[in-house]
Amino acid sequence: MDDHHLAWLALSELNLSFKQGFELAQLFGSQQVTLDPQHCCQLNSILNQQQLNYLAQLNSQPLVVSLANPLQWAQSHKAKLLLFHDAGYPEALNSIHHPPAFLWV
Protein backbone atom coordinates (compact mmCIF):
# COMPACT_ATOMS: atom_id res chain seq x y z
CA MET A 1 0.00 0.00 0.00
CA ASP A 2 1.48 3.37 -1.01
CA ASP A 3 1.79 6.29 1.42
CA HIS A 4 -1.29 8.06 0.00
CA HIS A 5 -3.52 5.03 0.54
CA LEU A 6 -1.91 4.39 3.91
CA ALA A 7 -2.87 7.92 5.01
CA TRP A 8 -6.44 7.31 3.85
CA LEU A 9 -6.43 4.02 5.75
CA ALA A 10 -5.59 6.05 8.86
CA LEU A 11 -8.47 8.40 8.07
CA SER A 12 -10.77 5.41 7.61
CA GLU A 13 -10.03 4.44 11.21
CA LEU A 14 -11.55 7.73 12.44
CA ASN A 15 -15.18 6.71 11.76
CA LEU A 16 -15.68 9.65 9.41
CA SER A 17 -19.15 10.73 8.39
CA PHE A 18 -19.83 10.77 4.65
CA LYS A 19 -19.71 14.58 4.81
CA GLN A 20 -16.31 14.57 6.56
CA GLY A 21 -14.92 12.04 4.08
CA PHE A 22 -16.21 14.07 1.14
CA GLU A 23 -14.71 17.28 2.56
CA LEU A 24 -11.35 15.55 3.03
CA ALA A 25 -11.49 14.11 -0.51
CA GLN A 26 -12.18 17.62 -1.84
CA LEU A 27 -9.41 19.09 0.32
CA PHE A 28 -6.71 16.63 -0.67
CA GLY A 29 -7.89 15.51 -4.11
CA SER A 30 -5.36 13.05 -5.43
CA GLN A 31 -2.45 14.87 -3.79
CA GLN A 32 -0.60 13.50 -0.79
CA VAL A 33 -2.64 13.60 2.40
CA THR A 34 -1.21 15.65 5.28
CA LEU A 35 -2.26 14.07 8.58
CA ASP A 36 -0.65 16.67 10.81
CA PRO A 37 -3.22 19.29 11.92
CA GLN A 38 -0.38 21.80 12.45
CA HIS A 39 0.52 21.58 8.73
CA CYS A 40 -3.06 21.26 7.51
CA CYS A 41 -5.28 23.63 9.48
CA GLN A 42 -8.38 22.46 7.57
CA LEU A 43 -8.25 19.16 9.48
CA ASN A 44 -9.22 21.08 12.62
CA SER A 45 -12.38 22.35 10.93
CA ILE A 46 -13.38 18.96 9.46
CA LEU A 47 -12.54 16.51 12.26
CA ASN A 48 -13.95 16.60 15.79
CA GLN A 49 -11.71 16.59 18.86
CA GLN A 50 -12.04 12.85 19.44
CA GLN A 51 -10.98 12.17 15.85
CA LEU A 52 -8.06 14.59 16.12
CA ASN A 53 -6.92 12.87 19.32
CA TYR A 54 -7.08 9.44 17.68
CA LEU A 55 -5.24 10.77 14.63
CA ALA A 56 -2.50 12.08 16.94
CA GLN A 57 -2.30 8.64 18.52
CA LEU A 58 -1.98 7.00 15.09
CA ASN A 59 0.72 9.52 14.13
CA SER A 60 2.72 8.86 17.29
CA GLN A 61 4.56 6.09 15.43
CA PRO A 62 4.96 5.20 11.75
CA LEU A 63 1.55 4.49 10.18
CA VAL A 64 2.68 1.03 9.11
CA VAL A 65 3.08 0.20 12.79
CA SER A 66 -0.06 2.03 14.00
CA LEU A 67 -2.18 0.40 11.31
CA ALA A 68 -0.75 -3.10 11.56
CA ASN A 69 -4.14 -4.68 12.39
CA PRO A 70 -6.15 -3.08 9.55
CA LEU A 71 -3.30 -3.79 7.13
CA GLN A 72 -3.25 -7.43 8.21
CA TRP A 73 -7.05 -7.60 7.84
CA ALA A 74 -6.87 -6.11 4.33
CA GLN A 75 -4.17 -8.55 3.31
CA SER A 76 -5.94 -11.60 4.74
CA HIS A 77 -9.22 -10.63 3.03
CA LYS A 78 -7.55 -9.51 -0.20
CA ALA A 79 -9.28 -6.17 0.30
CA LYS A 80 -8.24 -2.97 -1.43
CA LEU A 81 -8.95 0.60 -0.39
CA LEU A 82 -10.42 2.38 -3.42
CA LEU A 83 -10.25 6.17 -3.07
CA PHE A 84 -12.61 8.82 -4.47
CA HIS A 85 -10.05 9.92 -7.08
CA ASP A 86 -8.80 6.44 -8.01
CA ALA A 87 -9.50 4.91 -11.39
CA GLY A 88 -12.30 2.42 -10.93
CA TYR A 89 -14.26 4.49 -8.40
CA PRO A 90 -17.93 4.04 -9.40
CA GLU A 91 -19.11 7.03 -11.46
CA ALA A 92 -22.67 6.63 -10.14
CA LEU A 93 -21.51 7.48 -6.61
CA ASN A 94 -20.33 10.90 -7.78
CA SER A 95 -23.97 11.92 -8.28
CA ILE A 96 -24.95 11.61 -4.62
CA HIS A 97 -24.69 14.55 -2.21
CA HIS A 98 -21.68 13.33 -0.19
CA PRO A 99 -20.15 10.37 -2.00
CA PRO A 100 -17.93 8.13 0.13
CA ALA A 101 -14.28 9.20 0.10
CA PHE A 102 -13.21 5.56 -0.05
CA LEU A 103 -14.60 2.10 -0.53
CA TRP A 104 -13.31 -1.28 0.52
CA VAL A 105 -13.35 -3.70 -2.41
PDB file of N, CA and C in Angstrom:
ATOM      1  N   MET A   1       0.855  -1.169   0.000  1.00  0.00           N
ATOM      2  CA  MET A   1       0.000   0.000   0.000  1.00  0.00           C
ATOM      3  C   MET A   1       0.905   1.237   0.000  1.00  0.00           C
ATOM      4  N   ASP A   2       0.657   2.158  -0.938  1.00  0.00           N
ATOM      5  CA  ASP A   2       1.479   3.366  -1.014  1.00  0.00           C
ATOM      6  C   ASP A   2       1.128   4.328   0.133  1.00  0.00           C
ATOM      7  N   ASP A   3       1.956   5.351   0.307  1.00  0.00           N
ATOM      8  CA  ASP A   3       1.787   6.293   1.423  1.00  0.00           C
ATOM      9  C   ASP A   3       0.445   7.027   1.368  1.00  0.00           C
ATOM     10  N   HIS A   4      -0.011   7.358   0.159  1.00  0.00           N
ATOM     11  CA  HIS A   4      -1.286   8.064   0.002  1.00  0.00           C
ATOM     12  C   HIS A   4      -2.441   7.201   0.512  1.00  0.00           C
ATOM     13  N   HIS A   5      -2.469   5.945   0.091  1.00  0.00           N
ATOM     14  CA  HIS A   5      -3.524   5.033   0.537  1.00  0.00           C
ATOM     15  C   HIS A   5      -3.377   4.696   2.021  1.00  0.00           C
ATOM     16  N   LEU A   6      -2.148   4.641   2.492  1.00  0.00           N
ATOM     17  CA  LEU A   6      -1.911   4.391   3.913  1.00  0.00           C
ATOM     18  C   LEU A   6      -2.478   5.542   4.758  1.00  0.00           C
ATOM     19  N   ALA A   7      -2.300   6.776   4.298  1.00  0.00           N
ATOM     20  CA  ALA A   7      -2.867   7.923   5.013  1.00  0.00           C
ATOM     21  C   ALA A   7      -4.389   7.852   5.024  1.00  0.00           C
ATOM     22  N   TRP A   8      -4.991   7.452   3.892  1.00  0.00           N
ATOM     23  CA  TRP A   8      -6.444   7.311   3.852  1.00  0.00           C
ATOM     24  C   TRP A   8      -6.910   6.149   4.717  1.00  0.00           C
ATOM     25  N   LEU A   9      -6.092   5.109   4.838  1.00  0.00           N
ATOM     26  CA  LEU A   9      -6.429   4.016   5.749  1.00  0.00           C
ATOM     27  C   LEU A   9      -6.497   4.555   7.174  1.00  0.00           C
ATOM     28  N   ALA A  10      -5.548   5.424   7.529  1.00  0.00           N
ATOM     29  CA  ALA A  10      -5.587   6.052   8.861  1.00  0.00           C
ATOM     30  C   ALA A  10      -6.868   6.864   9.021  1.00  0.00           C
ATOM     31  N   LEU A  11      -7.236   7.629   8.002  1.00  0.00           N
ATOM     32  CA  LEU A  11      -8.472   8.405   8.072  1.00  0.00           C
ATOM     33  C   LEU A  11      -9.697   7.501   8.182  1.00  0.00           C
ATOM     34  N   SER A  12      -9.635   6.349   7.541  1.00  0.00           N
ATOM     35  CA  SER A  12     -10.768   5.411   7.611  1.00  0.00           C
ATOM     36  C   SER A  12     -10.981   4.881   9.026  1.00  0.00           C
ATOM     37  N   GLU A  13      -9.944   4.908   9.819  1.00  0.00           N
ATOM     38  CA  GLU A  13     -10.032   4.440  11.205  1.00  0.00           C
ATOM     39  C   GLU A  13     -10.719   5.454  12.128  1.00  0.00           C
ATOM     40  N   LEU A  14     -10.988   6.657  11.620  1.00  0.00           N
ATOM     41  CA  LEU A  14     -11.552   7.729  12.444  1.00  0.00           C
ATOM     42  C   LEU A  14     -13.076   7.741  12.463  1.00  0.00           C
ATOM     43  N   ASN A  15     -13.707   6.757  11.830  1.00  0.00           N
ATOM     44  CA  ASN A  15     -15.180   6.714  11.757  1.00  0.00           C
ATOM     45  C   ASN A  15     -15.738   8.026  11.213  1.00  0.00           C
ATOM     46  N   LEU A  16     -15.250   8.418  10.057  1.00  0.00           N
ATOM     47  CA  LEU A  16     -15.684   9.648   9.412  1.00  0.00           C
ATOM     48  C   LEU A  16     -17.135   9.547   8.962  1.00  0.00           C
ATOM     49  N   SER A  17     -17.828  10.662   9.019  1.00  0.00           N
ATOM     50  CA  SER A  17     -19.146  10.726   8.393  1.00  0.00           C
ATOM     51  C   SER A  17     -18.917  10.847   6.879  1.00  0.00           C
ATOM     52  N   PHE A  18     -19.964  10.601   6.097  1.00  0.00           N
ATOM     53  CA  PHE A  18     -19.827  10.768   4.655  1.00  0.00           C
ATOM     54  C   PHE A  18     -19.438  12.213   4.330  1.00  0.00           C
ATOM     55  N   LYS A  19     -20.019  13.165   5.051  1.00  0.00           N
ATOM     56  CA  LYS A  19     -19.707  14.576   4.815  1.00  0.00           C
ATOM     57  C   LYS A  19     -18.233  14.860   5.105  1.00  0.00           C
ATOM     58  N   GLN A  20     -17.718  14.351   6.228  1.00  0.00           N
ATOM     59  CA  GLN A  20     -16.312  14.568   6.558  1.00  0.00           C
ATOM     60  C   GLN A  20     -15.409  13.936   5.494  1.00  0.00           C
ATOM     61  N   GLY A  21     -15.724  12.715   5.106  1.00  0.00           N
ATOM     62  CA  GLY A  21     -14.920  12.041   4.082  1.00  0.00           C
ATOM     63  C   GLY A  21     -14.918  12.812   2.776  1.00  0.00           C
ATOM     64  N   PHE A  22     -16.099  13.302   2.373  1.00  0.00           N
ATOM     65  CA  PHE A  22     -16.210  14.074   1.141  1.00  0.00           C
ATOM     66  C   PHE A  22     -15.396  15.366   1.241  1.00  0.00           C
ATOM     67  N   GLU A  23     -15.484  16.046   2.384  1.00  0.00           N
ATOM     68  CA  GLU A  23     -14.711  17.280   2.558  1.00  0.00           C
ATOM     69  C   GLU A  23     -13.207  17.010   2.498  1.00  0.00           C
ATOM     70  N   LEU A  24     -12.770  15.907   3.081  1.00  0.00           N
ATOM     71  CA  LEU A  24     -11.351  15.547   3.026  1.00  0.00           C
ATOM     72  C   LEU A  24     -10.938  15.190   1.608  1.00  0.00           C
ATOM     73  N   ALA A  25     -11.803  14.466   0.878  1.00  0.00           N
ATOM     74  CA  ALA A  25     -11.495  14.115  -0.508  1.00  0.00           C
ATOM     75  C   ALA A  25     -11.379  15.378  -1.356  1.00  0.00           C
ATOM     76  N   GLN A  26     -12.249  16.359  -1.102  1.00  0.00           N
ATOM     77  CA  GLN A  26     -12.176  17.622  -1.839  1.00  0.00           C
ATOM     78  C   GLN A  26     -10.932  18.410  -1.443  1.00  0.00           C
ATOM     79  N   LEU A  27     -10.579  18.373  -0.173  1.00  0.00           N
ATOM     80  CA  LEU A  27      -9.408  19.093   0.321  1.00  0.00           C
ATOM     81  C   LEU A  27      -8.118  18.543  -0.291  1.00  0.00           C
ATOM     82  N   PHE A  28      -7.963  17.237  -0.241  1.00  0.00           N
ATOM     83  CA  PHE A  28      -6.707  16.629  -0.674  1.00  0.00           C
ATOM     84  C   PHE A  28      -6.697  16.257  -2.149  1.00  0.00           C
ATOM     85  N   GLY A  29      -7.868  15.970  -2.723  1.00  0.00           N
ATOM     86  CA  GLY A  29      -7.891  15.513  -4.107  1.00  0.00           C
ATOM     87  C   GLY A  29      -7.034  14.271  -4.232  1.00  0.00           C
ATOM     88  N   SER A  30      -6.245  14.201  -5.263  1.00  0.00           N
ATOM     89  CA  SER A  30      -5.363  13.050  -5.430  1.00  0.00           C
ATOM     90  C   SER A  30      -3.953  13.352  -4.940  1.00  0.00           C
ATOM     91  N   GLN A  31      -3.770  14.537  -4.325  1.00  0.00           N
ATOM     92  CA  GLN A  31      -2.453  14.871  -3.793  1.00  0.00           C
ATOM     93  C   GLN A  31      -2.197  14.146  -2.471  1.00  0.00           C
ATOM     94  N   GLN A  32      -0.975  14.167  -2.034  1.00  0.00           N
ATOM     95  CA  GLN A  32      -0.595  13.498  -0.791  1.00  0.00           C
ATOM     96  C   GLN A  32      -1.360  14.071   0.400  1.00  0.00           C
ATOM     97  N   VAL A  33      -1.896  13.211   1.213  1.00  0.00           N
ATOM     98  CA  VAL A  33      -2.643  13.600   2.401  1.00  0.00           C
ATOM     99  C   VAL A  33      -1.673  14.040   3.489  1.00  0.00           C
ATOM    100  N   THR A  34      -1.990  15.150   4.150  1.00  0.00           N
ATOM    101  CA  THR A  34      -1.211  15.647   5.280  1.00  0.00           C
ATOM    102  C   THR A  34      -2.013  15.376   6.549  1.00  0.00           C
ATOM    103  N   LEU A  35      -1.530  14.473   7.385  1.00  0.00           N
ATOM    104  CA  LEU A  35      -2.264  14.071   8.580  1.00  0.00           C
ATOM    105  C   LEU A  35      -1.909  14.882   9.820  1.00  0.00           C
ATOM    106  N   ASP A  36      -1.055  15.853   9.676  1.00  0.00           N
ATOM    107  CA  ASP A  36      -0.648  16.670  10.805  1.00  0.00           C
ATOM    108  C   ASP A  36      -1.495  17.944  10.839  1.00  0.00           C
ATOM    109  N   PRO A  37      -2.377  18.101  11.848  1.00  0.00           N
ATOM    110  CA  PRO A  37      -3.223  19.293  11.923  1.00  0.00           C
ATOM    111  C   PRO A  37      -2.440  20.609  11.963  1.00  0.00           C
ATOM    112  N   GLN A  38      -1.184  20.575  12.419  1.00  0.00           N
ATOM    113  CA  GLN A  38      -0.382  21.801  12.447  1.00  0.00           C
ATOM    114  C   GLN A  38       0.022  22.229  11.035  1.00  0.00           C
ATOM    115  N   HIS A  39       0.149  21.266  10.111  1.00  0.00           N
ATOM    116  CA  HIS A  39       0.516  21.579   8.733  1.00  0.00           C
ATOM    117  C   HIS A  39      -0.692  21.639   7.810  1.00  0.00           C
ATOM    118  N   CYS A  40      -1.829  21.223   8.303  1.00  0.00           N
ATOM    119  CA  CYS A  40      -3.059  21.262   7.515  1.00  0.00           C
ATOM    120  C   CYS A  40      -4.182  21.734   8.435  1.00  0.00           C
ATOM    121  N   CYS A  41      -4.319  23.036   8.545  1.00  0.00           N
ATOM    122  CA  CYS A  41      -5.283  23.633   9.476  1.00  0.00           C
ATOM    123  C   CYS A  41      -6.720  23.210   9.182  1.00  0.00           C
ATOM    124  N   GLN A  42      -7.022  22.863   7.928  1.00  0.00           N
ATOM    125  CA  GLN A  42      -8.380  22.463   7.575  1.00  0.00           C
ATOM    126  C   GLN A  42      -8.821  21.206   8.316  1.00  0.00           C
ATOM    127  N   LEU A  43      -7.877  20.363   8.722  1.00  0.00           N
ATOM    128  CA  LEU A  43      -8.246  19.160   9.482  1.00  0.00           C
ATOM    129  C   LEU A  43      -8.990  19.543  10.754  1.00  0.00           C
ATOM    130  N   ASN A  44      -8.578  20.634  11.376  1.00  0.00           N
ATOM    131  CA  ASN A  44      -9.223  21.079  12.615  1.00  0.00           C
ATOM    132  C   ASN A  44     -10.672  21.479  12.399  1.00  0.00           C
ATOM    133  N   SER A  45     -11.001  21.940  11.200  1.00  0.00           N
ATOM    134  CA  SER A  45     -12.380  22.350  10.929  1.00  0.00           C
ATOM    135  C   SER A  45     -13.241  21.200  10.409  1.00  0.00           C
ATOM    136  N   ILE A  46     -12.627  20.106   9.998  1.00  0.00           N
ATOM    137  CA  ILE A  46     -13.377  18.963   9.459  1.00  0.00           C
ATOM    138  C   ILE A  46     -13.559  17.872  10.513  1.00  0.00           C
ATOM    139  N   LEU A  47     -12.505  17.594  11.271  1.00  0.00           N
ATOM    140  CA  LEU A  47     -12.539  16.511  12.261  1.00  0.00           C
ATOM    141  C   LEU A  47     -12.952  17.043  13.623  1.00  0.00           C
ATOM    142  N   ASN A  48     -13.614  16.202  14.423  1.00  0.00           N
ATOM    143  CA  ASN A  48     -13.945  16.602  15.791  1.00  0.00           C
ATOM    144  C   ASN A  48     -12.754  16.300  16.705  1.00  0.00           C
ATOM    145  N   GLN A  49     -12.845  16.729  17.936  1.00  0.00           N
ATOM    146  CA  GLN A  49     -11.711  16.593  18.856  1.00  0.00           C
ATOM    147  C   GLN A  49     -11.334  15.128  19.098  1.00  0.00           C
ATOM    148  N   GLN A  50     -12.316  14.276  19.227  1.00  0.00           N
ATOM    149  CA  GLN A  50     -12.036  12.854  19.442  1.00  0.00           C
ATOM    150  C   GLN A  50     -11.278  12.278  18.238  1.00  0.00           C
ATOM    151  N   GLN A  51     -11.674  12.648  17.047  1.00  0.00           N
ATOM    152  CA  GLN A  51     -10.981  12.173  15.846  1.00  0.00           C
ATOM    153  C   GLN A  51      -9.567  12.732  15.774  1.00  0.00           C
ATOM    154  N   LEU A  52      -9.399  13.999  16.112  1.00  0.00           N
ATOM    155  CA  LEU A  52      -8.064  14.595  16.118  1.00  0.00           C
ATOM    156  C   LEU A  52      -7.161  13.906  17.139  1.00  0.00           C
ATOM    157  N   ASN A  53      -7.706  13.570  18.299  1.00  0.00           N
ATOM    158  CA  ASN A  53      -6.921  12.868  19.319  1.00  0.00           C
ATOM    159  C   ASN A  53      -6.495  11.488  18.824  1.00  0.00           C
ATOM    160  N   TYR A  54      -7.420  10.770  18.185  1.00  0.00           N
ATOM    161  CA  TYR A  54      -7.083   9.437  17.678  1.00  0.00           C
ATOM    162  C   TYR A  54      -6.066   9.539  16.548  1.00  0.00           C
ATOM    163  N   LEU A  55      -6.208  10.561  15.704  1.00  0.00           N
ATOM    164  CA  LEU A  55      -5.240  10.769  14.626  1.00  0.00           C
ATOM    165  C   LEU A  55      -3.853  11.041  15.199  1.00  0.00           C
ATOM    166  N   ALA A  56      -3.782  11.821  16.271  1.00  0.00           N
ATOM    167  CA  ALA A  56      -2.495  12.079  16.937  1.00  0.00           C
ATOM    168  C   ALA A  56      -1.905  10.783  17.474  1.00  0.00           C
ATOM    169  N   GLN A  57      -2.766   9.936  18.018  1.00  0.00           N
ATOM    170  CA  GLN A  57      -2.301   8.642  18.523  1.00  0.00           C
ATOM    171  C   GLN A  57      -1.754   7.790  17.372  1.00  0.00           C
ATOM    172  N   LEU A  58      -2.462   7.766  16.247  1.00  0.00           N
ATOM    173  CA  LEU A  58      -1.980   7.004  15.088  1.00  0.00           C
ATOM    174  C   LEU A  58      -0.657   7.556  14.576  1.00  0.00           C
ATOM    175  N   ASN A  59      -0.508   8.879  14.618  1.00  0.00           N
ATOM    176  CA  ASN A  59       0.715   9.523  14.125  1.00  0.00           C
ATOM    177  C   ASN A  59       1.879   9.454  15.099  1.00  0.00           C
ATOM    178  N   SER A  60       1.654   8.908  16.282  1.00  0.00           N
ATOM    179  CA  SER A  60       2.720   8.859  17.286  1.00  0.00           C
ATOM    180  C   SER A  60       3.821   7.863  16.917  1.00  0.00           C
ATOM    181  N   GLN A  61       3.562   7.024  15.959  1.00  0.00           N
ATOM    182  CA  GLN A  61       4.556   6.093  15.428  1.00  0.00           C
ATOM    183  C   GLN A  61       4.300   5.965  13.928  1.00  0.00           C
ATOM    184  N   PRO A  62       5.194   5.336  13.186  1.00  0.00           N
ATOM    185  CA  PRO A  62       4.958   5.199  11.749  1.00  0.00           C
ATOM    186  C   PRO A  62       3.595   4.537  11.483  1.00  0.00           C
ATOM    187  N   LEU A  63       2.888   5.012  10.462  1.00  0.00           N
ATOM    188  CA  LEU A  63       1.554   4.488  10.181  1.00  0.00           C
ATOM    189  C   LEU A  63       1.550   2.992   9.925  1.00  0.00           C
ATOM    190  N   VAL A  64       2.603   2.476   9.354  1.00  0.00           N
ATOM    191  CA  VAL A  64       2.683   1.029   9.106  1.00  0.00           C
ATOM    192  C   VAL A  64       2.589   0.262  10.418  1.00  0.00           C
ATOM    193  N   VAL A  65       3.136   0.824  11.473  1.00  0.00           N
ATOM    194  CA  VAL A  65       3.078   0.199  12.792  1.00  0.00           C
ATOM    195  C   VAL A  65       1.702   0.434  13.418  1.00  0.00           C
ATOM    196  N   SER A  66       1.238   1.686  13.395  1.00  0.00           N
ATOM    197  CA  SER A  66      -0.058   2.027  14.000  1.00  0.00           C
ATOM    198  C   SER A  66      -1.213   1.277  13.353  1.00  0.00           C
ATOM    199  N   LEU A  67      -1.087   1.022  12.070  1.00  0.00           N
ATOM    200  CA  LEU A  67      -2.180   0.402  11.311  1.00  0.00           C
ATOM    201  C   LEU A  67      -1.924  -1.064  11.002  1.00  0.00           C
ATOM    202  N   ALA A  68      -1.106  -1.700  11.813  1.00  0.00           N
ATOM    203  CA  ALA A  68      -0.754  -3.103  11.559  1.00  0.00           C
ATOM    204  C   ALA A  68      -1.990  -3.999  11.488  1.00  0.00           C
ATOM    205  N   ASN A  69      -2.951  -3.820  12.400  1.00  0.00           N
ATOM    206  CA  ASN A  69      -4.141  -4.682  12.393  1.00  0.00           C
ATOM    207  C   ASN A  69      -5.005  -4.485  11.148  1.00  0.00           C
ATOM    208  N   PRO A  70      -5.365  -3.230  10.776  1.00  0.00           N
ATOM    209  CA  PRO A  70      -6.151  -3.075   9.549  1.00  0.00           C
ATOM    210  C   PRO A  70      -5.394  -3.518   8.297  1.00  0.00           C
ATOM    211  N   LEU A  71      -4.080  -3.324   8.271  1.00  0.00           N
ATOM    212  CA  LEU A  71      -3.295  -3.787   7.132  1.00  0.00           C
ATOM    213  C   LEU A  71      -3.314  -5.310   7.038  1.00  0.00           C
ATOM    214  N   GLN A  72      -3.203  -5.959   8.185  1.00  0.00           N
ATOM    215  CA  GLN A  72      -3.250  -7.427   8.210  1.00  0.00           C
ATOM    216  C   GLN A  72      -4.631  -7.911   7.772  1.00  0.00           C
ATOM    217  N   TRP A  73      -5.688  -7.232   8.246  1.00  0.00           N
ATOM    218  CA  TRP A  73      -7.045  -7.595   7.843  1.00  0.00           C
ATOM    219  C   TRP A  73      -7.202  -7.471   6.331  1.00  0.00           C
ATOM    220  N   ALA A  74      -6.751  -6.348   5.771  1.00  0.00           N
ATOM    221  CA  ALA A  74      -6.871  -6.113   4.328  1.00  0.00           C
ATOM    222  C   ALA A  74      -6.135  -7.187   3.540  1.00  0.00           C
ATOM    223  N   GLN A  75      -4.951  -7.531   4.002  1.00  0.00           N
ATOM    224  CA  GLN A  75      -4.169  -8.545   3.310  1.00  0.00           C
ATOM    225  C   GLN A  75      -4.839  -9.913   3.405  1.00  0.00           C
ATOM    226  N   SER A  76      -5.330 -10.279   4.573  1.00  0.00           N
ATOM    227  CA  SER A  76      -5.936 -11.601   4.736  1.00  0.00           C
ATOM    228  C   SER A  76      -7.259 -11.732   3.987  1.00  0.00           C
ATOM    229  N   HIS A  77      -7.947 -10.598   3.757  1.00  0.00           N
ATOM    230  CA  HIS A  77      -9.221 -10.631   3.034  1.00  0.00           C
ATOM    231  C   HIS A  77      -9.080 -10.198   1.579  1.00  0.00           C
ATOM    232  N   LYS A  78      -7.833  -9.972   1.170  1.00  0.00           N
ATOM    233  CA  LYS A  78      -7.555  -9.512  -0.196  1.00  0.00           C
ATOM    234  C   LYS A  78      -8.390  -8.281  -0.531  1.00  0.00           C
ATOM    235  N   ALA A  79      -8.496  -7.384   0.445  1.00  0.00           N
ATOM    236  CA  ALA A  79      -9.279  -6.165   0.298  1.00  0.00           C
ATOM    237  C   ALA A  79      -8.371  -5.027  -0.161  1.00  0.00           C
ATOM    238  N   LYS A  80      -8.965  -4.127  -0.923  1.00  0.00           N
ATOM    239  CA  LYS A  80      -8.241  -2.966  -1.433  1.00  0.00           C
ATOM    240  C   LYS A  80      -9.033  -1.720  -1.084  1.00  0.00           C
ATOM    241  N   LEU A  81      -8.328  -0.677  -0.689  1.00  0.00           N
ATOM    242  CA  LEU A  81      -8.949   0.603  -0.388  1.00  0.00           C
ATOM    243  C   LEU A  81      -8.998   1.414  -1.680  1.00  0.00           C
ATOM    244  N   LEU A  82     -10.207   1.636  -2.183  1.00  0.00           N
ATOM    245  CA  LEU A  82     -10.419   2.383  -3.421  1.00  0.00           C
ATOM    246  C   LEU A  82     -10.830   3.804  -3.040  1.00  0.00           C
ATOM    247  N   LEU A  83     -10.023   4.777  -3.446  1.00  0.00           N
ATOM    248  CA  LEU A  83     -10.251   6.171  -3.073  1.00  0.00           C
ATOM    249  C   LEU A  83     -11.101   6.904  -4.101  1.00  0.00           C
ATOM    250  N   PHE A  84     -11.717   7.996  -3.657  1.00  0.00           N
ATOM    251  CA  PHE A  84     -12.608   8.823  -4.468  1.00  0.00           C
ATOM    252  C   PHE A  84     -11.992   9.187  -5.822  1.00  0.00           C
ATOM    253  N   HIS A  85     -10.708   9.485  -5.849  1.00  0.00           N
ATOM    254  CA  HIS A  85     -10.048   9.922  -7.079  1.00  0.00           C
ATOM    255  C   HIS A  85      -9.323   8.795  -7.809  1.00  0.00           C
ATOM    256  N   ASP A  86      -9.449   7.567  -7.343  1.00  0.00           N
ATOM    257  CA  ASP A  86      -8.799   6.439  -8.011  1.00  0.00           C
ATOM    258  C   ASP A  86      -9.578   6.022  -9.253  1.00  0.00           C
ATOM    259  N   ALA A  87      -8.842   5.519 -10.230  1.00  0.00           N
ATOM    260  CA  ALA A  87      -9.496   4.908 -11.385  1.00  0.00           C
ATOM    261  C   ALA A  87     -10.284   3.709 -10.860  1.00  0.00           C
ATOM    262  N   GLY A  88     -11.470   3.528 -11.376  1.00  0.00           N
ATOM    263  CA  GLY A  88     -12.301   2.421 -10.928  1.00  0.00           C
ATOM    264  C   GLY A  88     -13.333   2.797  -9.890  1.00  0.00           C
ATOM    265  N   TYR A  89     -13.239   4.026  -9.351  1.00  0.00           N
ATOM    266  CA  TYR A  89     -14.257   4.487  -8.402  1.00  0.00           C
ATOM    267  C   TYR A  89     -15.569   4.609  -9.176  1.00  0.00           C
ATOM    268  N   PRO A  90     -16.660   4.048  -8.647  1.00  0.00           N
ATOM    269  CA  PRO A  90     -17.928   4.044  -9.398  1.00  0.00           C
ATOM    270  C   PRO A  90     -18.444   5.453  -9.714  1.00  0.00           C
ATOM    271  N   GLU A  91     -18.615   5.731 -10.999  1.00  0.00           N
ATOM    272  CA  GLU A  91     -19.113   7.031 -11.460  1.00  0.00           C
ATOM    273  C   GLU A  91     -20.457   7.384 -10.828  1.00  0.00           C
ATOM    274  N   ALA A  92     -21.322   6.382 -10.661  1.00  0.00           N
ATOM    275  CA  ALA A  92     -22.666   6.627 -10.137  1.00  0.00           C
ATOM    276  C   ALA A  92     -22.622   7.236  -8.735  1.00  0.00           C
ATOM    277  N   LEU A  93     -21.600   6.929  -7.958  1.00  0.00           N
ATOM    278  CA  LEU A  93     -21.508   7.483  -6.605  1.00  0.00           C
ATOM    279  C   LEU A  93     -21.215   8.984  -6.621  1.00  0.00           C
ATOM    280  N   ASN A  94     -20.623   9.473  -7.692  1.00  0.00           N
ATOM    281  CA  ASN A  94     -20.326  10.905  -7.779  1.00  0.00           C
ATOM    282  C   ASN A  94     -21.580  11.752  -7.850  1.00  0.00           C
ATOM    283  N   SER A  95     -22.731  11.146  -8.141  1.00  0.00           N
ATOM    284  CA  SER A  95     -23.967  11.918  -8.278  1.00  0.00           C
ATOM    285  C   SER A  95     -24.711  12.095  -6.957  1.00  0.00           C
ATOM    286  N   ILE A  96     -24.278  11.431  -5.896  1.00  0.00           N
ATOM    287  CA  ILE A  96     -24.952  11.607  -4.616  1.00  0.00           C
ATOM    288  C   ILE A  96     -24.349  12.799  -3.873  1.00  0.00           C
ATOM    289  N   HIS A  97     -25.068  13.303  -2.890  1.00  0.00           N
ATOM    290  CA  HIS A  97     -24.691  14.546  -2.210  1.00  0.00           C
ATOM    291  C   HIS A  97     -23.293  14.489  -1.592  1.00  0.00           C
ATOM    292  N   HIS A  98     -22.997  13.510  -0.784  1.00  0.00           N
ATOM    293  CA  HIS A  98     -21.681  13.328  -0.186  1.00  0.00           C
ATOM    294  C   HIS A  98     -21.196  11.917  -0.498  1.00  0.00           C
ATOM    295  N   PRO A  99     -20.602  11.713  -1.664  1.00  0.00           N
ATOM    296  CA  PRO A  99     -20.148  10.365  -2.000  1.00  0.00           C
ATOM    297  C   PRO A  99     -19.054   9.913  -1.029  1.00  0.00           C
ATOM    298  N   PRO A 100     -18.967   8.614  -0.789  1.00  0.00           N
ATOM    299  CA  PRO A 100     -17.930   8.128   0.126  1.00  0.00           C
ATOM    300  C   PRO A 100     -16.525   8.462  -0.407  1.00  0.00           C
ATOM    301  N   ALA A 101     -15.649   8.851   0.480  1.00  0.00           N
ATOM    302  CA  ALA A 101     -14.281   9.200   0.103  1.00  0.00           C
ATOM    303  C   ALA A 101     -13.473   7.967  -0.270  1.00  0.00           C
ATOM    304  N   PHE A 102     -13.908   6.808   0.225  1.00  0.00           N
ATOM    305  CA  PHE A 102     -13.207   5.557  -0.050  1.00  0.00           C
ATOM    306  C   PHE A 102     -14.182   4.407   0.064  1.00  0.00           C
ATOM    307  N   LEU A 103     -13.833   3.335  -0.591  1.00  0.00           N
ATOM    308  CA  LEU A 103     -14.603   2.096  -0.529  1.00  0.00           C
ATOM    309  C   LEU A 103     -13.633   0.946  -0.306  1.00  0.00           C
ATOM    310  N   TRP A 104     -14.088  -0.045   0.414  1.00  0.00           N
ATOM    311  CA  TRP A 104     -13.315  -1.284   0.518  1.00  0.00           C
ATOM    312  C   TRP A 104     -13.846  -2.236  -0.551  1.00  0.00           C
ATOM    313  N   VAL A 105     -12.958  -2.737  -1.376  1.00  0.00           N
ATOM    314  CA  VAL A 105     -13.349  -3.700  -2.406  1.00  0.00           C
ATOM    315  C   VAL A 105     -12.500  -4.935  -2.279  1.00  0.00           C
TER     316      VAL A 105
END
